[in-house]
Amino acid sequence: MEEEAVGEGSEAVRRARKLLFRRMLVGIKDGRFFLGGFYCIDKQGNIILQDAVEYRTTRRSSPSSLEQRCLGLILIPASCRATCHVDCSIDEQLSLLSLT
């Protein structure tokens, strides 16, 4: 009964739980991308990824202009987030579109 009071039974919470530990690619406004396992999201929309890897483009003229570095557990503020993609089927993606 107390779970309902804190929103445990809400539709948004059920949908967010389906994302747990799935691979998520999050782009931020400065052009970097983070790939990691979805760990949680708070009411403000901040996302925590575990085992995250940062990818960023470099301006060097090397064959691979993409640098990466392992970060571990990171928090991505909602204000910085530009894109967010979850590794799941198309049907699952369509069912999650209404998640805010």
C-alpha atoms as a PDB file:
ATOM      1  CA  MET A   1       0.000   0.000   0.000  1.00  0.00           C
ATOM      2  CA  GLU A   2       2.823   2.417   0.846  1.00  0.00           C
ATOM      3  CA  GLU A   3       4.446   1.665  -2.513  1.00  0.00           C
ATOM      4  CA  GLU A   4       1.507   3.254  -4.308  1.00  0.00           C
ATOM      5  CA  ALA A   5       1.902   6.394  -2.200  1.00  0.00           C
ATOM      6  CA  VAL A   6       5.423   6.993  -3.471  1.00  0.00           C
ATOM      7  CA  GLY A   7       4.553   6.248  -7.078  1.00  0.00           C
ATOM      8  CA  GLU A   8       5.937   2.701  -7.252  1.00  0.00           C
ATOM      9  CA  GLY A   9       2.894   1.548  -9.189  1.00  0.00           C
ATOM     10  CA  SER A  10       2.764   4.398 -11.670  1.00  0.00           C
ATOM     11  CA  GLU A  11       3.034   3.706 -15.385  1.00  0.00           C
ATOM     12  CA  ALA A  12       6.189   5.831 -15.733  1.00  0.00           C
ATOM     13  CA  VAL A  13       7.930   3.812 -13.005  1.00  0.00           C
ATOM     14  CA  ARG A  14       6.958   0.519 -14.655  1.00  0.00           C
ATOM     15  CA  ARG A  15       8.332   1.734 -17.996  1.00  0.00           C
ATOM     16  CA  ALA A  16      11.543   3.003 -16.425  1.00  0.00           C
ATOM     17  CA  ARG A  17      12.080  -0.370 -14.749  1.00  0.00           C
ATOM     18  CA  LYS A  18      11.975  -2.019 -18.173  1.00  0.00           C
ATOM     19  CA  LEU A  19      15.050   0.032 -19.084  1.00  0.00           C
ATOM     20  CA  LEU A  20      17.138  -1.147 -16.127  1.00  0.00           C
ATOM     21  CA  PHE A  21      20.567  -2.458 -17.109  1.00  0.00           C
ATOM     22  CA  ARG A  22      19.907  -2.065 -20.838  1.00  0.00           C
ATOM     23  CA  ARG A  23      22.609  -0.453 -22.928  1.00  0.00           C
ATOM     24  CA  MET A  24      21.868   3.208 -23.437  1.00  0.00           C
ATOM     25  CA  LEU A  25      23.573   5.763 -25.668  1.00  0.00           C
ATOM     26  CA  VAL A  26      23.211   9.323 -24.389  1.00  0.00           C
ATOM     27  CA  GLY A  27      24.360  12.331 -26.404  1.00  0.00           C
ATOM     28  CA  ILE A  28      25.026  15.632 -24.701  1.00  0.00           C
ATOM     29  CA  LYS A  29      24.957  19.160 -26.048  1.00  0.00           C
ATOM     30  CA  ASP A  30      28.734  19.529 -26.442  1.00  0.00           C
ATOM     31  CA  GLY A  31      28.853  16.633 -28.944  1.00  0.00           C
ATOM     32  CA  ARG A  32      30.070  13.836 -26.666  1.00  0.00           C
ATOM     33  CA  PHE A  33      28.279  10.494 -26.319  1.00  0.00           C
ATOM     34  CA  PHE A  34      28.159   8.121 -23.377  1.00  0.00           C
ATOM     35  CA  LEU A  35      27.408   4.413 -23.732  1.00  0.00           C
ATOM     36  CA  GLY A  36      26.617   2.372 -20.642  1.00  0.00           C
ATOM     37  CA  GLY A  37      24.075   0.345 -18.741  1.00  0.00           C
ATOM     38  CA  PHE A  38      21.035   2.301 -17.573  1.00  0.00           C
ATOM     39  CA  TYR A  39      21.132   2.372 -13.789  1.00  0.00           C
ATOM     40  CA  CYS A  40      18.505   4.947 -12.800  1.00  0.00           C
ATOM     41  CA  ILE A  41      16.719   8.199 -13.552  1.00  0.00           C
ATOM     42  CA  ASP A  42      15.425  10.716 -11.024  1.00  0.00           C
ATOM     43  CA  LYS A  43      12.374  12.990 -11.079  1.00  0.00           C
ATOM     44  CA  GLN A  44      14.426  15.782 -12.658  1.00  0.00           C
ATOM     45  CA  GLY A  45      15.465  13.525 -15.574  1.00  0.00           C
ATOM     46  CA  ASN A  46      19.110  13.064 -14.581  1.00  0.00           C
ATOM     47  CA  ILE A  47      20.393   9.689 -15.809  1.00  0.00           C
ATOM     48  CA  ILE A  48      22.984   7.448 -14.183  1.00  0.00           C
ATOM     49  CA  LEU A  49      24.865   4.993 -16.412  1.00  0.00           C
ATOM     50  CA  GLN A  50      27.120   2.230 -15.132  1.00  0.00           C
ATOM     51  CA  ASP A  51      30.237   0.941 -16.876  1.00  0.00           C
ATOM     52  CA  ALA A  52      30.035   4.007 -19.109  1.00  0.00           C
ATOM     53  CA  VAL A  53      32.379   4.810 -21.959  1.00  0.00           C
ATOM     54  CA  GLU A  54      32.745   8.363 -23.280  1.00  0.00           C
ATOM     55  CA  TYR A  55      33.116   8.914 -27.034  1.00  0.00           C
ATOM     56  CA  ARG A  56      34.156  12.236 -28.507  1.00  0.00           C
ATOM     57  CA  THR A  57      35.396  13.400 -31.862  1.00  0.00           C
ATOM     58  CA  THR A  58      38.829  14.905 -32.216  1.00  0.00           C
ATOM     59  CA  ARG A  59      40.005  17.426 -34.746  1.00  0.00           C
ATOM     60  CA  ARG A  60      43.103  15.476 -35.570  1.00  0.00           C
ATOM     61  CA  SER A  61      43.549  14.219 -39.112  1.00  0.00           C
ATOM     62  CA  SER A  62      44.018  10.613 -37.981  1.00  0.00           C
ATOM     63  CA  PRO A  63      42.036   7.779 -39.595  1.00  0.00           C
ATOM     64  CA  SER A  64      39.968   7.410 -36.429  1.00  0.00           C
ATOM     65  CA  SER A  65      38.836  10.801 -35.215  1.00  0.00           C
ATOM     66  CA  LEU A  66      36.826   9.236 -32.391  1.00  0.00           C
ATOM     67  CA  GLU A  67      38.435   8.983 -28.945  1.00  0.00           C
ATOM     68  CA  GLN A  68      37.049   6.913 -26.135  1.00  0.00           C
ATOM     69  CA  ARG A  69      37.708   6.563 -22.425  1.00  0.00           C
ATOM     70  CA  CYS A  70      36.211   4.364 -19.734  1.00  0.00           C
ATOM     71  CA  LEU A  71      34.453   6.273 -16.974  1.00  0.00           C
ATOM     72  CA  GLY A  72      32.527   3.782 -14.838  1.00  0.00           C
ATOM     73  CA  LEU A  73      29.474   5.167 -13.024  1.00  0.00           C
ATOM     74  CA  ILE A  74      28.407   8.618 -14.269  1.00  0.00           C
ATOM     75  CA  LEU A  75      25.538  11.031 -13.839  1.00  0.00           C
ATOM     76  CA  ILE A  76      24.309  12.896 -16.907  1.00  0.00           C
ATOM     77  CA  PRO A  77      22.269  15.988 -15.986  1.00  0.00           C
ATOM     78  CA  ALA A  78      18.986  16.405 -17.834  1.00  0.00           C
ATOM     79  CA  SER A  79      20.015  19.936 -18.796  1.00  0.00           C
ATOM     80  CA  CYS A  80      23.001  18.560 -20.767  1.00  0.00           C
ATOM     81  CA  ARG A  81      21.225  15.705 -22.511  1.00  0.00           C
ATOM     82  CA  ALA A  82      20.504  16.098 -26.228  1.00  0.00           C
ATOM     83  CA  THR A  83      19.663  12.521 -27.325  1.00  0.00           C
ATOM     84  CA  CYS A  84      18.977   9.193 -25.697  1.00  0.00           C
ATOM     85  CA  HIS A  85      18.787   5.775 -27.361  1.00  0.00           C
ATOM     86  CA  VAL A  86      18.051   2.421 -25.730  1.00  0.00           C
ATOM     87  CA  ASP A  87      19.183  -0.926 -27.088  1.00  0.00           C
ATOM     88  CA  CYS A  88      15.850  -2.735 -27.522  1.00  0.00           C
ATOM     89  CA  SER A  89      13.427  -3.932 -30.173  1.00  0.00           C
ATOM     90  CA  ILE A  90      11.381  -1.510 -32.269  1.00  0.00           C
ATOM     91  CA  ASP A  91       8.180  -2.595 -30.506  1.00  0.00           C
ATOM     92  CA  GLU A  92       9.741  -1.824 -27.126  1.00  0.00           C
ATOM     93  CA  GLN A  93      10.977   1.538 -28.393  1.00  0.00           C
ATOM     94  CA  LEU A  94       7.477   2.469 -29.530  1.00  0.00           C
ATOM     95  CA  SER A  95       5.991   1.494 -26.159  1.00  0.00           C
ATOM     96  CA  LEU A  96       8.565   3.659 -24.366  1.00  0.00           C
ATOM     97  CA  LEU A  97       7.995   6.797 -26.458  1.00  0.00           C
ATOM     98  CA  SER A  98       5.484   8.163 -23.972  1.00  0.00           C
ATOM     99  CA  LEU A  99       7.994   7.917 -21.092  1.00  0.00           C
ATOM    100  CA  THR A 100       8.736  11.449 -19.895  1.00  0.00           C
END
